[in-house]
Amino acid sequence: MTPTDPNGKSPKEPGAKLDGGKLQPDLIFTGFSRALSAVAEIGTHGAEKYTRDGWASVPDGIYRYRNAGQRHALARATGEQLDPDSGLPHLAHEAWNKLAELELALRQGDPS
């Protein structure tokens, strides 16, 4: 797909910007700022507890992060809102684990 100017300007016309049809990351950053901050807290906790970016080298990571997220979901299902280890919301842990699972799957070329 060739990017276009969303206002119909030709590429050589002053004020043209060929960003029509491109991703709009600000929709995520502004629409989910609180959720992203909560997930960033989880990532920070993990980096301090283990190592920065060490999560990406965990053997069988997809399987293990899927299970970790499900453990947090089970804890929430029993009424526990905060993880006893981190003091942070289980739901944020679930989101972080799901992102880790997705990232690893995409890196392997299999986002199923």
PDB file of N, CA and C in Angstrom:
ATOM      1  N   MET A   1       0.844  -1.173   0.000  1.00  0.00           N
ATOM      2  CA  MET A   1       0.000   0.000   0.000  1.00  0.00           C
ATOM      3  C   MET A   1       0.895   1.245   0.000  1.00  0.00           C
ATOM      4  N   THR A   2       0.630   2.138  -0.899  1.00  0.00           N
ATOM      5  CA  THR A   2       1.383   3.375  -0.996  1.00  0.00           C
ATOM      6  C   THR A   2       0.732   4.417  -0.097  1.00  0.00           C
ATOM      7  N   PRO A   3       1.519   5.024   0.806  1.00  0.00           N
ATOM      8  CA  PRO A   3       0.944   6.057   1.670  1.00  0.00           C
ATOM      9  C   PRO A   3       0.445   7.246   0.853  1.00  0.00           C
ATOM     10  N   THR A   4      -0.596   7.864   1.343  1.00  0.00           N
ATOM     11  CA  THR A   4      -1.179   9.034   0.685  1.00  0.00           C
ATOM     12  C   THR A   4      -1.309  10.163   1.696  1.00  0.00           C
ATOM     13  N   ASP A   5      -1.541  11.360   1.181  1.00  0.00           N
ATOM     14  CA  ASP A   5      -1.846  12.482   2.053  1.00  0.00           C
ATOM     15  C   ASP A   5      -3.328  12.379   2.417  1.00  0.00           C
ATOM     16  N   PRO A   6      -3.657  12.376   3.714  1.00  0.00           N
ATOM     17  CA  PRO A   6      -5.064  12.207   4.105  1.00  0.00           C
ATOM     18  C   PRO A   6      -5.956  13.363   3.662  1.00  0.00           C
ATOM     19  N   ASN A   7      -5.339  14.493   3.266  1.00  0.00           N
ATOM     20  CA  ASN A   7      -6.116  15.634   2.784  1.00  0.00           C
ATOM     21  C   ASN A   7      -6.133  15.713   1.266  1.00  0.00           C
ATOM     22  N   GLY A   8      -5.616  14.683   0.598  1.00  0.00           N
ATOM     23  CA  GLY A   8      -5.668  14.618  -0.852  1.00  0.00           C
ATOM     24  C   GLY A   8      -4.591  15.429  -1.568  1.00  0.00           C
ATOM     25  N   LYS A   9      -3.618  15.943  -0.841  1.00  0.00           N
ATOM     26  CA  LYS A   9      -2.556  16.730  -1.475  1.00  0.00           C
ATOM     27  C   LYS A   9      -1.615  15.804  -2.234  1.00  0.00           C
ATOM     28  N   SER A  10      -1.056  16.313  -3.338  1.00  0.00           N
ATOM     29  CA  SER A  10      -0.052  15.541  -4.056  1.00  0.00           C
ATOM     30  C   SER A  10       1.258  15.629  -3.284  1.00  0.00           C
ATOM     31  N   PRO A  11       2.138  14.650  -3.434  1.00  0.00           N
ATOM     32  CA  PRO A  11       3.375  14.635  -2.655  1.00  0.00           C
ATOM     33  C   PRO A  11       4.228  15.891  -2.795  1.00  0.00           C
ATOM     34  N   LYS A  12       4.192  16.549  -3.933  1.00  0.00           N
ATOM     35  CA  LYS A  12       5.022  17.734  -4.167  1.00  0.00           C
ATOM     36  C   LYS A  12       4.338  19.035  -3.756  1.00  0.00           C
ATOM     37  N   GLU A  13       3.094  18.965  -3.344  1.00  0.00           N
ATOM     38  CA  GLU A  13       2.349  20.162  -2.946  1.00  0.00           C
ATOM     39  C   GLU A  13       2.764  20.589  -1.537  1.00  0.00           C
ATOM     40  N   PRO A  14       2.978  21.899  -1.309  1.00  0.00           N
ATOM     41  CA  PRO A  14       3.343  22.347   0.037  1.00  0.00           C
ATOM     42  C   PRO A  14       2.327  21.881   1.083  1.00  0.00           C
ATOM     43  N   GLY A  15       2.830  21.408   2.186  1.00  0.00           N
ATOM     44  CA  GLY A  15       1.968  20.941   3.266  1.00  0.00           C
ATOM     45  C   GLY A  15       1.576  19.476   3.152  1.00  0.00           C
ATOM     46  N   ALA A  16       2.046  18.809   2.099  1.00  0.00           N
ATOM     47  CA  ALA A  16       1.715  17.395   1.930  1.00  0.00           C
ATOM     48  C   ALA A  16       2.486  16.559   2.955  1.00  0.00           C
ATOM     49  N   LYS A  17       1.848  15.538   3.432  1.00  0.00           N
ATOM     50  CA  LYS A  17       2.465  14.581   4.351  1.00  0.00           C
ATOM     51  C   LYS A  17       1.866  13.229   4.037  1.00  0.00           C
ATOM     52  N   LEU A  18       2.682  12.327   3.531  1.00  0.00           N
ATOM     53  CA  LEU A  18       2.192  11.020   3.096  1.00  0.00           C
ATOM     54  C   LEU A  18       2.103  10.045   4.273  1.00  0.00           C
ATOM     55  N   ASP A  19       1.157  10.313   5.152  1.00  0.00           N
ATOM     56  CA  ASP A  19       0.977   9.445   6.307  1.00  0.00           C
ATOM     57  C   ASP A  19      -0.402   8.806   6.358  1.00  0.00           C
ATOM     58  N   GLY A  20      -1.190   8.988   5.315  1.00  0.00           N
ATOM     59  CA  GLY A  20      -2.490   8.336   5.245  1.00  0.00           C
ATOM     60  C   GLY A  20      -2.326   6.840   5.144  1.00  0.00           C
ATOM     61  N   GLY A  21      -3.034   6.082   5.932  1.00  0.00           N
ATOM     62  CA  GLY A  21      -2.954   4.633   5.928  1.00  0.00           C
ATOM     63  C   GLY A  21      -1.848   4.064   6.797  1.00  0.00           C
ATOM     64  N   LYS A  22      -1.050   4.935   7.421  1.00  0.00           N
ATOM     65  CA  LYS A  22       0.017   4.460   8.302  1.00  0.00           C
ATOM     66  C   LYS A  22      -0.510   4.280   9.723  1.00  0.00           C
ATOM     67  N   LEU A  23       0.236   3.521  10.507  1.00  0.00           N
ATOM     68  CA  LEU A  23      -0.129   3.318  11.912  1.00  0.00           C
ATOM     69  C   LEU A  23      -0.202   4.646  12.644  1.00  0.00           C
ATOM     70  N   GLN A  24      -1.064   4.714  13.623  1.00  0.00           N
ATOM     71  CA  GLN A  24      -1.229   5.906  14.446  1.00  0.00           C
ATOM     72  C   GLN A  24      -0.955   5.554  15.910  1.00  0.00           C
ATOM     73  N   PRO A  25       0.333   5.447  16.286  1.00  0.00           N
ATOM     74  CA  PRO A  25       0.682   5.033  17.649  1.00  0.00           C
ATOM     75  C   PRO A  25       0.113   5.932  18.732  1.00  0.00           C
ATOM     76  N   ASP A  26      -0.164   7.190  18.417  1.00  0.00           N
ATOM     77  CA  ASP A  26      -0.706   8.066  19.459  1.00  0.00           C
ATOM     78  C   ASP A  26      -2.053   7.575  19.958  1.00  0.00           C
ATOM     79  N   LEU A  27      -2.766   6.795  19.150  1.00  0.00           N
ATOM     80  CA  LEU A  27      -4.042   6.234  19.611  1.00  0.00           C
ATOM     81  C   LEU A  27      -3.818   5.302  20.799  1.00  0.00           C
ATOM     82  N   ILE A  28      -2.691   4.614  20.807  1.00  0.00           N
ATOM     83  CA  ILE A  28      -2.359   3.714  21.905  1.00  0.00           C
ATOM     84  C   ILE A  28      -1.834   4.508  23.100  1.00  0.00           C
ATOM     85  N   PHE A  29      -0.885   5.410  22.829  1.00  0.00           N
ATOM     86  CA  PHE A  29      -0.264   6.151  23.933  1.00  0.00           C
ATOM     87  C   PHE A  29      -1.249   7.060  24.662  1.00  0.00           C
ATOM     88  N   THR A  30      -2.134   7.717  23.937  1.00  0.00           N
ATOM     89  CA  THR A  30      -3.087   8.603  24.612  1.00  0.00           C
ATOM     90  C   THR A  30      -4.310   7.850  25.123  1.00  0.00           C
ATOM     91  N   GLY A  31      -4.754   6.853  24.368  1.00  0.00           N
ATOM     92  CA  GLY A  31      -5.950   6.112  24.768  1.00  0.00           C
ATOM     93  C   GLY A  31      -5.721   5.130  25.893  1.00  0.00           C
ATOM     94  N   PHE A  32      -4.490   4.646  26.032  1.00  0.00           N
ATOM     95  CA  PHE A  32      -4.191   3.623  27.028  1.00  0.00           C
ATOM     96  C   PHE A  32      -3.035   4.047  27.932  1.00  0.00           C
ATOM     97  N   SER A  33      -2.920   5.325  28.205  1.00  0.00           N
ATOM     98  CA  SER A  33      -1.765   5.820  28.964  1.00  0.00           C
ATOM     99  C   SER A  33      -1.685   5.216  30.361  1.00  0.00           C
ATOM    100  N   ARG A  34      -2.789   5.067  31.041  1.00  0.00           N
ATOM    101  CA  ARG A  34      -2.763   4.488  32.386  1.00  0.00           C
ATOM    102  C   ARG A  34      -2.382   3.011  32.336  1.00  0.00           C
ATOM    103  N   ALA A  35      -2.964   2.292  31.389  1.00  0.00           N
ATOM    104  CA  ALA A  35      -2.669   0.863  31.254  1.00  0.00           C
ATOM    105  C   ALA A  35      -1.200   0.657  30.876  1.00  0.00           C
ATOM    106  N   LEU A  36      -0.699   1.465  29.961  1.00  0.00           N
ATOM    107  CA  LEU A  36       0.704   1.340  29.565  1.00  0.00           C
ATOM    108  C   LEU A  36       1.636   1.662  30.727  1.00  0.00           C
ATOM    109  N   SER A  37       1.274   2.645  31.529  1.00  0.00           N
ATOM    110  CA  SER A  37       2.089   2.965  32.705  1.00  0.00           C
ATOM    111  C   SER A  37       2.098   1.803  33.694  1.00  0.00           C
ATOM    112  N   ALA A  38       0.946   1.161  33.870  1.00  0.00           N
ATOM    113  CA  ALA A  38       0.866   0.009  34.775  1.00  0.00           C
ATOM    114  C   ALA A  38       1.721  -1.144  34.261  1.00  0.00           C
ATOM    115  N   VAL A  39       1.704  -1.376  32.961  1.00  0.00           N
ATOM    116  CA  VAL A  39       2.522  -2.435  32.382  1.00  0.00           C
ATOM    117  C   VAL A  39       3.999  -2.064  32.481  1.00  0.00           C
ATOM    118  N   ALA A  40       4.319  -0.779  32.307  1.00  0.00           N
ATOM    119  CA  ALA A  40       5.712  -0.331  32.455  1.00  0.00           C
ATOM    120  C   ALA A  40       6.202  -0.556  33.881  1.00  0.00           C
ATOM    121  N   GLU A  41       5.315  -0.397  34.864  1.00  0.00           N
ATOM    122  CA  GLU A  41       5.698  -0.683  36.253  1.00  0.00           C
ATOM    123  C   GLU A  41       6.075  -2.160  36.410  1.00  0.00           C
ATOM    124  N   ILE A  42       5.335  -3.036  35.742  1.00  0.00           N
ATOM    125  CA  ILE A  42       5.633  -4.464  35.795  1.00  0.00           C
ATOM    126  C   ILE A  42       7.004  -4.725  35.165  1.00  0.00           C
ATOM    127  N   GLY A  43       7.242  -4.122  34.011  1.00  0.00           N
ATOM    128  CA  GLY A  43       8.529  -4.294  33.349  1.00  0.00           C
ATOM    129  C   GLY A  43       9.686  -3.784  34.193  1.00  0.00           C
ATOM    130  N   THR A  44       9.468  -2.660  34.859  1.00  0.00           N
ATOM    131  CA  THR A  44      10.505  -2.098  35.732  1.00  0.00           C
ATOM    132  C   THR A  44      10.773  -3.021  36.904  1.00  0.00           C
ATOM    133  N   HIS A  45       9.704  -3.530  37.504  1.00  0.00           N
ATOM    134  CA  HIS A  45       9.851  -4.480  38.616  1.00  0.00           C
ATOM    135  C   HIS A  45      10.648  -5.703  38.163  1.00  0.00           C
ATOM    136  N   GLY A  46      10.302  -6.234  36.994  1.00  0.00           N
ATOM    137  CA  GLY A  46      10.999  -7.405  36.482  1.00  0.00           C
ATOM    138  C   GLY A  46      12.466  -7.122  36.188  1.00  0.00           C
ATOM    139  N   ALA A  47      12.757  -5.953  35.636  1.00  0.00           N
ATOM    140  CA  ALA A  47      14.147  -5.593  35.337  1.00  0.00           C
ATOM    141  C   ALA A  47      14.971  -5.449  36.609  1.00  0.00           C
ATOM    142  N   GLU A  48      14.339  -4.945  37.670  1.00  0.00           N
ATOM    143  CA  GLU A  48      15.041  -4.799  38.951  1.00  0.00           C
ATOM    144  C   GLU A  48      15.197  -6.141  39.656  1.00  0.00           C
ATOM    145  N   LYS A  49      14.196  -7.008  39.524  1.00  0.00           N
ATOM    146  CA  LYS A  49      14.238  -8.316  40.179  1.00  0.00           C
ATOM    147  C   LYS A  49      15.196  -9.263  39.460  1.00  0.00           C
ATOM    148  N   TYR A  50      15.188  -9.215  38.144  1.00  0.00           N
ATOM    149  CA  TYR A  50      16.015 -10.109  37.329  1.00  0.00           C
ATOM    150  C   TYR A  50      17.070  -9.261  36.598  1.00  0.00           C
ATOM    151  N   THR A  51      16.944  -9.143  35.285  1.00  0.00           N
ATOM    152  CA  THR A  51      17.841  -8.299  34.496  1.00  0.00           C
ATOM    153  C   THR A  51      17.031  -7.566  33.446  1.00  0.00           C
ATOM    154  N   ARG A  52      17.570  -6.446  33.012  1.00  0.00           N
ATOM    155  CA  ARG A  52      16.916  -5.677  31.954  1.00  0.00           C
ATOM    156  C   ARG A  52      16.895  -6.520  30.673  1.00  0.00           C
ATOM    157  N   ASP A  53      15.719  -6.690  30.104  1.00  0.00           N
ATOM    158  CA  ASP A  53      15.502  -7.443  28.861  1.00  0.00           C
ATOM    159  C   ASP A  53      15.850  -8.932  28.949  1.00  0.00           C
ATOM    160  N   GLY A  54      16.086  -9.418  30.153  1.00  0.00           N
ATOM    161  CA  GLY A  54      16.385 -10.840  30.312  1.00  0.00           C
ATOM    162  C   GLY A  54      15.206 -11.731  29.975  1.00  0.00           C
ATOM    163  N   TRP A  55      14.008 -11.193  30.054  1.00  0.00           N
ATOM    164  CA  TRP A  55      12.796 -11.964  29.765  1.00  0.00           C
ATOM    165  C   TRP A  55      12.843 -12.572  28.361  1.00  0.00           C
ATOM    166  N   ALA A  56      13.508 -11.898  27.429  1.00  0.00           N
ATOM    167  CA  ALA A  56      13.514 -12.348  26.042  1.00  0.00           C
ATOM    168  C   ALA A  56      14.356 -13.606  25.845  1.00  0.00           C
ATOM    169  N   SER A  57      15.177 -13.936  26.829  1.00  0.00           N
ATOM    170  CA  SER A  57      16.059 -15.112  26.715  1.00  0.00           C
ATOM    171  C   SER A  57      15.578 -16.303  27.516  1.00  0.00           C
ATOM    172  N   VAL A  58      14.413 -16.220  28.114  1.00  0.00           N
ATOM    173  CA  VAL A  58      13.889 -17.321  28.925  1.00  0.00           C
ATOM    174  C   VAL A  58      13.552 -18.502  28.006  1.00  0.00           C
ATOM    175  N   PRO A  59      14.110 -19.679  28.273  1.00  0.00           N
ATOM    176  CA  PRO A  59      13.789 -20.853  27.457  1.00  0.00           C
ATOM    177  C   PRO A  59      12.286 -21.149  27.495  1.00  0.00           C
ATOM    178  N   ASP A  60      11.734 -21.531  26.371  1.00  0.00           N
ATOM    179  CA  ASP A  60      10.293 -21.824  26.242  1.00  0.00           C
ATOM    180  C   ASP A  60       9.454 -20.643  26.711  1.00  0.00           C
ATOM    181  N   GLY A  61       9.895 -19.441  26.385  1.00  0.00           N
ATOM    182  CA  GLY A  61       9.269 -18.225  26.882  1.00  0.00           C
ATOM    183  C   GLY A  61       7.794 -18.096  26.574  1.00  0.00           C
ATOM    184  N   ILE A  62       7.399 -18.429  25.354  1.00  0.00           N
ATOM    185  CA  ILE A  62       5.984 -18.292  24.991  1.00  0.00           C
ATOM    186  C   ILE A  62       5.117 -19.107  25.953  1.00  0.00           C
ATOM    187  N   TYR A  63       5.461 -20.347  26.134  1.00  0.00           N
ATOM    188  CA  TYR A  63       4.714 -21.239  27.019  1.00  0.00           C
ATOM    189  C   TYR A  63       4.750 -20.728  28.461  1.00  0.00           C
ATOM    190  N   ARG A  64       5.933 -20.313  28.915  1.00  0.00           N
ATOM    191  CA  ARG A  64       6.086 -19.916  30.311  1.00  0.00           C
ATOM    192  C   ARG A  64       5.397 -18.595  30.609  1.00  0.00           C
ATOM    193  N   TYR A  65       5.448 -17.632  29.682  1.00  0.00           N
ATOM    194  CA  TYR A  65       4.750 -16.364  29.913  1.00  0.00           C
ATOM    195  C   TYR A  65       3.245 -16.544  29.810  1.00  0.00           C
ATOM    196  N   ARG A  66       2.796 -17.452  28.942  1.00  0.00           N
ATOM    197  CA  ARG A  66       1.359 -17.747  28.873  1.00  0.00           C
ATOM    198  C   ARG A  66       0.886 -18.276  30.228  1.00  0.00           C
ATOM    199  N   ASN A  67       1.645 -19.204  30.794  1.00  0.00           N
ATOM    200  CA  ASN A  67       1.279 -19.769  32.090  1.00  0.00           C
ATOM    201  C   ASN A  67       1.376 -18.751  33.214  1.00  0.00           C
ATOM    202  N   ALA A  68       2.382 -17.899  33.178  1.00  0.00           N
ATOM    203  CA  ALA A  68       2.507 -16.866  34.209  1.00  0.00           C
ATOM    204  C   ALA A  68       1.300 -15.937  34.173  1.00  0.00           C
ATOM    205  N   GLY A  69       0.894 -15.536  32.983  1.00  0.00           N
ATOM    206  CA  GLY A  69      -0.284 -14.684  32.862  1.00  0.00           C
ATOM    207  C   GLY A  69      -1.533 -15.370  33.376  1.00  0.00           C
ATOM    208  N   GLN A  70      -1.646 -16.655  33.083  1.00  0.00           N
ATOM    209  CA  GLN A  70      -2.809 -17.407  33.556  1.00  0.00           C
ATOM    210  C   GLN A  70      -2.802 -17.566  35.068  1.00  0.00           C
ATOM    211  N   ARG A  71      -1.612 -17.685  35.665  1.00  0.00           N
ATOM    212  CA  ARG A  71      -1.551 -17.742  37.135  1.00  0.00           C
ATOM    213  C   ARG A  71      -2.055 -16.432  37.742  1.00  0.00           C
ATOM    214  N   HIS A  72      -1.689 -15.306  37.119  1.00  0.00           N
ATOM    215  CA  HIS A  72      -2.182 -14.016  37.613  1.00  0.00           C
ATOM    216  C   HIS A  72      -3.700 -13.919  37.428  1.00  0.00           C
ATOM    217  N   ALA A  73      -4.199 -14.456  36.322  1.00  0.00           N
ATOM    218  CA  ALA A  73      -5.649 -14.455  36.087  1.00  0.00           C
ATOM    219  C   ALA A  73      -6.366 -15.296  37.141  1.00  0.00           C
ATOM    220  N   LEU A  74      -5.783 -16.440  37.486  1.00  0.00           N
ATOM    221  CA  LEU A  74      -6.378 -17.287  38.523  1.00  0.00           C
ATOM    222  C   LEU A  74      -6.398 -16.577  39.875  1.00  0.00           C
ATOM    223  N   ALA A  75      -5.310 -15.879  40.182  1.00  0.00           N
ATOM    224  CA  ALA A  75      -5.262 -15.149  41.453  1.00  0.00           C
ATOM    225  C   ALA A  75      -6.352 -14.087  41.485  1.00  0.00           C
ATOM    226  N   ARG A  76      -6.531 -13.398  40.365  1.00  0.00           N
ATOM    227  CA  ARG A  76      -7.595 -12.385  40.298  1.00  0.00           C
ATOM    228  C   ARG A  76      -8.964 -13.018  40.440  1.00  0.00           C
ATOM    229  N   ALA A  77      -9.124 -14.195  39.836  1.00  0.00           N
ATOM    230  CA  ALA A  77     -10.421 -14.882  39.892  1.00  0.00           C
ATOM    231  C   ALA A  77     -10.787 -15.286  41.318  1.00  0.00           C
ATOM    232  N   THR A  78      -9.779 -15.445  42.179  1.00  0.00           N
ATOM    233  CA  THR A  78     -10.063 -15.777  43.574  1.00  0.00           C
ATOM    234  C   THR A  78     -10.258 -14.524  44.419  1.00  0.00           C
ATOM    235  N   GLY A  79     -10.184 -13.364  43.796  1.00  0.00           N
ATOM    236  CA  GLY A  79     -10.425 -12.112  44.503  1.00  0.00           C
ATOM    237  C   GLY A  79      -9.177 -11.346  44.890  1.00  0.00           C
ATOM    238  N   GLU A  80      -8.008 -11.897  44.601  1.00  0.00           N
ATOM    239  CA  GLU A  80      -6.761 -11.197  44.937  1.00  0.00           C
ATOM    240  C   GLU A  80      -6.447 -10.186  43.835  1.00  0.00           C
ATOM    241  N   GLN A  81      -6.377  -8.936  44.185  1.00  0.00           N
ATOM    242  CA  GLN A  81      -6.152  -7.891  43.182  1.00  0.00           C
ATOM    243  C   GLN A  81      -4.682  -7.553  42.980  1.00  0.00           C
ATOM    244  N   LEU A  82      -3.900  -7.619  44.046  1.00  0.00           N
ATOM    245  CA  LEU A  82      -2.487  -7.243  43.968  1.00  0.00           C
ATOM    246  C   LEU A  82      -1.590  -8.459  44.132  1.00  0.00           C
ATOM    247  N   ASP A  83      -0.548  -8.515  43.341  1.00  0.00           N
ATOM    248  CA  ASP A  83       0.438  -9.579  43.439  1.00  0.00           C
ATOM    249  C   ASP A  83       1.225  -9.401  44.733  1.00  0.00           C
ATOM    250  N   PRO A  84       1.325 -10.434  45.568  1.00  0.00           N
ATOM    251  CA  PRO A  84       2.017 -10.284  46.853  1.00  0.00           C
ATOM    252  C   PRO A  84       3.514  -9.977  46.703  1.00  0.00           C
ATOM    253  N   ASP A  85       4.139 -10.446  45.644  1.00  0.00           N
ATOM    254  CA  ASP A  85       5.565 -10.210  45.439  1.00  0.00           C
ATOM    255  C   ASP A  85       5.859  -8.761  45.049  1.00  0.00           C
ATOM    256  N   SER A  86       5.134  -8.255  44.073  1.00  0.00           N
ATOM    257  CA  SER A  86       5.419  -6.916  43.548  1.00  0.00           C
ATOM    258  C   SER A  86       4.569  -5.827  44.181  1.00  0.00           C
ATOM    259  N   GLY A  87       3.402  -6.197  44.701  1.00  0.00           N
ATOM    260  CA  GLY A  87       2.455  -5.203  45.197  1.00  0.00           C
ATOM    261  C   GLY A  87       1.709  -4.499  44.076  1.00  0.00           C
ATOM    262  N   LEU A  88       1.871  -4.989  42.857  1.00  0.00           N
ATOM    263  CA  LEU A  88       1.248  -4.379  41.678  1.00  0.00           C
ATOM    264  C   LEU A  88       0.052  -5.219  41.236  1.00  0.00           C
ATOM    265  N   PRO A  89      -0.865  -4.625  40.481  1.00  0.00           N
ATOM    266  CA  PRO A  89      -2.086  -5.340  40.093  1.00  0.00           C
ATOM    267  C   PRO A  89      -1.818  -6.598  39.264  1.00  0.00           C
ATOM    268  N   HIS A  90      -2.522  -7.657  39.608  1.00  0.00           N
ATOM    269  CA  HIS A  90      -2.440  -8.897  38.833  1.00  0.00           C
ATOM    270  C   HIS A  90      -2.804  -8.633  37.372  1.00  0.00           C
ATOM    271  N   LEU A  91      -3.785  -7.774  37.140  1.00  0.00           N
ATOM    272  CA  LEU A  91      -4.213  -7.501  35.771  1.00  0.00           C
ATOM    273  C   LEU A  91      -3.069  -6.898  34.949  1.00  0.00           C
ATOM    274  N   ALA A  92      -2.257  -6.048  35.545  1.00  0.00           N
ATOM    275  CA  ALA A  92      -1.106  -5.484  34.849  1.00  0.00           C
ATOM    276  C   ALA A  92      -0.070  -6.570  34.570  1.00  0.00           C
ATOM    277  N   HIS A  93       0.101  -7.502  35.514  1.00  0.00           N
ATOM    278  CA  HIS A  93       0.995  -8.640  35.283  1.00  0.00           C
ATOM    279  C   HIS A  93       0.483  -9.488  34.117  1.00  0.00           C
ATOM    280  N   GLU A  94      -0.825  -9.704  34.078  1.00  0.00           N
ATOM    281  CA  GLU A  94      -1.412 -10.464  32.970  1.00  0.00           C
ATOM    282  C   GLU A  94      -1.097  -9.797  31.639  1.00  0.00           C
ATOM    283  N   ALA A  95      -1.296  -8.484  31.586  1.00  0.00           N
ATOM    284  CA  ALA A  95      -1.050  -7.739  30.347  1.00  0.00           C
ATOM    285  C   ALA A  95       0.418  -7.828  29.945  1.00  0.00           C
ATOM    286  N   TRP A  96       1.322  -7.659  30.909  1.00  0.00           N
ATOM    287  CA  TRP A  96       2.750  -7.734  30.599  1.00  0.00           C
ATOM    288  C   TRP A  96       3.101  -9.115  30.048  1.00  0.00           C
ATOM    289  N   ASN A  97       2.608 -10.164  30.697  1.00  0.00           N
ATOM    290  CA  ASN A  97       2.896 -11.517  30.237  1.00  0.00           C
ATOM    291  C   ASN A  97       2.328 -11.784  28.849  1.00  0.00           C
ATOM    292  N   LYS A  98       1.164 -11.254  28.567  1.00  0.00           N
ATOM    293  CA  LYS A  98       0.566 -11.438  27.240  1.00  0.00           C
ATOM    294  C   LYS A  98       1.389 -10.695  26.195  1.00  0.00           C
ATOM    295  N   LEU A  99       1.894  -9.514  26.524  1.00  0.00           N
ATOM    296  CA  LEU A  99       2.762  -8.789  25.590  1.00  0.00           C
ATOM    297  C   LEU A  99       4.068  -9.542  25.358  1.00  0.00           C
ATOM    298  N   ALA A 100       4.639 -10.120  26.407  1.00  0.00           N
ATOM    299  CA  ALA A 100       5.862 -10.904  26.254  1.00  0.00           C
ATOM    300  C   ALA A 100       5.598 -12.115  25.357  1.00  0.00           C
ATOM    301  N   GLU A 101       4.494 -12.780  25.578  1.00  0.00           N
ATOM    302  CA  GLU A 101       4.126 -13.926  24.749  1.00  0.00           C
ATOM    303  C   GLU A 101       3.973 -13.507  23.285  1.00  0.00           C
ATOM    304  N   LEU A 102       3.272 -12.410  23.049  1.00  0.00           N
ATOM    305  CA  LEU A 102       3.063 -11.916  21.688  1.00  0.00           C
ATOM    306  C   LEU A 102       4.382 -11.510  21.037  1.00  0.00           C
ATOM    307  N   GLU A 103       5.212 -10.783  21.763  1.00  0.00           N
ATOM    308  CA  GLU A 103       6.493 -10.340  21.210  1.00  0.00           C
ATOM    309  C   GLU A 103       7.352 -11.533  20.799  1.00  0.00           C
ATOM    310  N   LEU A 104       7.435 -12.533  21.654  1.00  0.00           N
ATOM    311  CA  LEU A 104       8.227 -13.710  21.317  1.00  0.00           C
ATOM    312  C   LEU A 104       7.645 -14.450  20.119  1.00  0.00           C
ATOM    313  N   ALA A 105       6.327 -14.558  20.065  1.00  0.00           N
ATOM    314  CA  ALA A 105       5.686 -15.215  18.923  1.00  0.00           C
ATOM    315  C   ALA A 105       5.966 -14.455  17.632  1.00  0.00           C
ATOM    316  N   LEU A 106       5.885 -13.138  17.670  1.00  0.00           N
ATOM    317  CA  LEU A 106       6.159 -12.333  16.477  1.00  0.00           C
ATOM    318  C   LEU A 106       7.621 -12.457  16.062  1.00  0.00           C
ATOM    319  N   ARG A 107       8.513 -12.484  17.027  1.00  0.00           N
ATOM    320  CA  ARG A 107       9.937 -12.663  16.704  1.00  0.00           C
ATOM    321  C   ARG A 107      10.192 -14.000  16.026  1.00  0.00           C
ATOM    322  N   GLN A 108       9.398 -15.000  16.401  1.00  0.00           N
ATOM    323  CA  GLN A 108       9.546 -16.329  15.805  1.00  0.00           C
ATOM    324  C   GLN A 108       8.739 -16.470  14.516  1.00  0.00           C
ATOM    325  N   GLY A 109       7.997 -15.424  14.170  1.00  0.00           N
ATOM    326  CA  GLY A 109       7.201 -15.453  12.953  1.00  0.00           C
ATOM    327  C   GLY A 109       5.929 -16.257  13.058  1.00  0.00           C
ATOM    328  N   ASP A 110       5.454 -16.477  14.283  1.00  0.00           N
ATOM    329  CA  ASP A 110       4.247 -17.276  14.487  1.00  0.00           C
ATOM    330  C   ASP A 110       3.342 -16.627  15.523  1.00  0.00           C
ATOM    331  N   PRO A 111       2.576 -15.595  15.130  1.00  0.00           N
ATOM    332  CA  PRO A 111       1.711 -14.903  16.098  1.00  0.00           C
ATOM    333  C   PRO A 111       0.390 -15.603  16.349  1.00  0.00           C
ATOM    334  N   SER A 112       0.376 -16.927  16.394  1.00  0.00           N
ATOM    335  CA  SER A 112      -0.893 -17.638  16.570  1.00  0.00           C
ATOM    336  C   SER A 112      -1.302 -17.766  17.998  1.00  0.00           C
TER     337      SER A 112
END
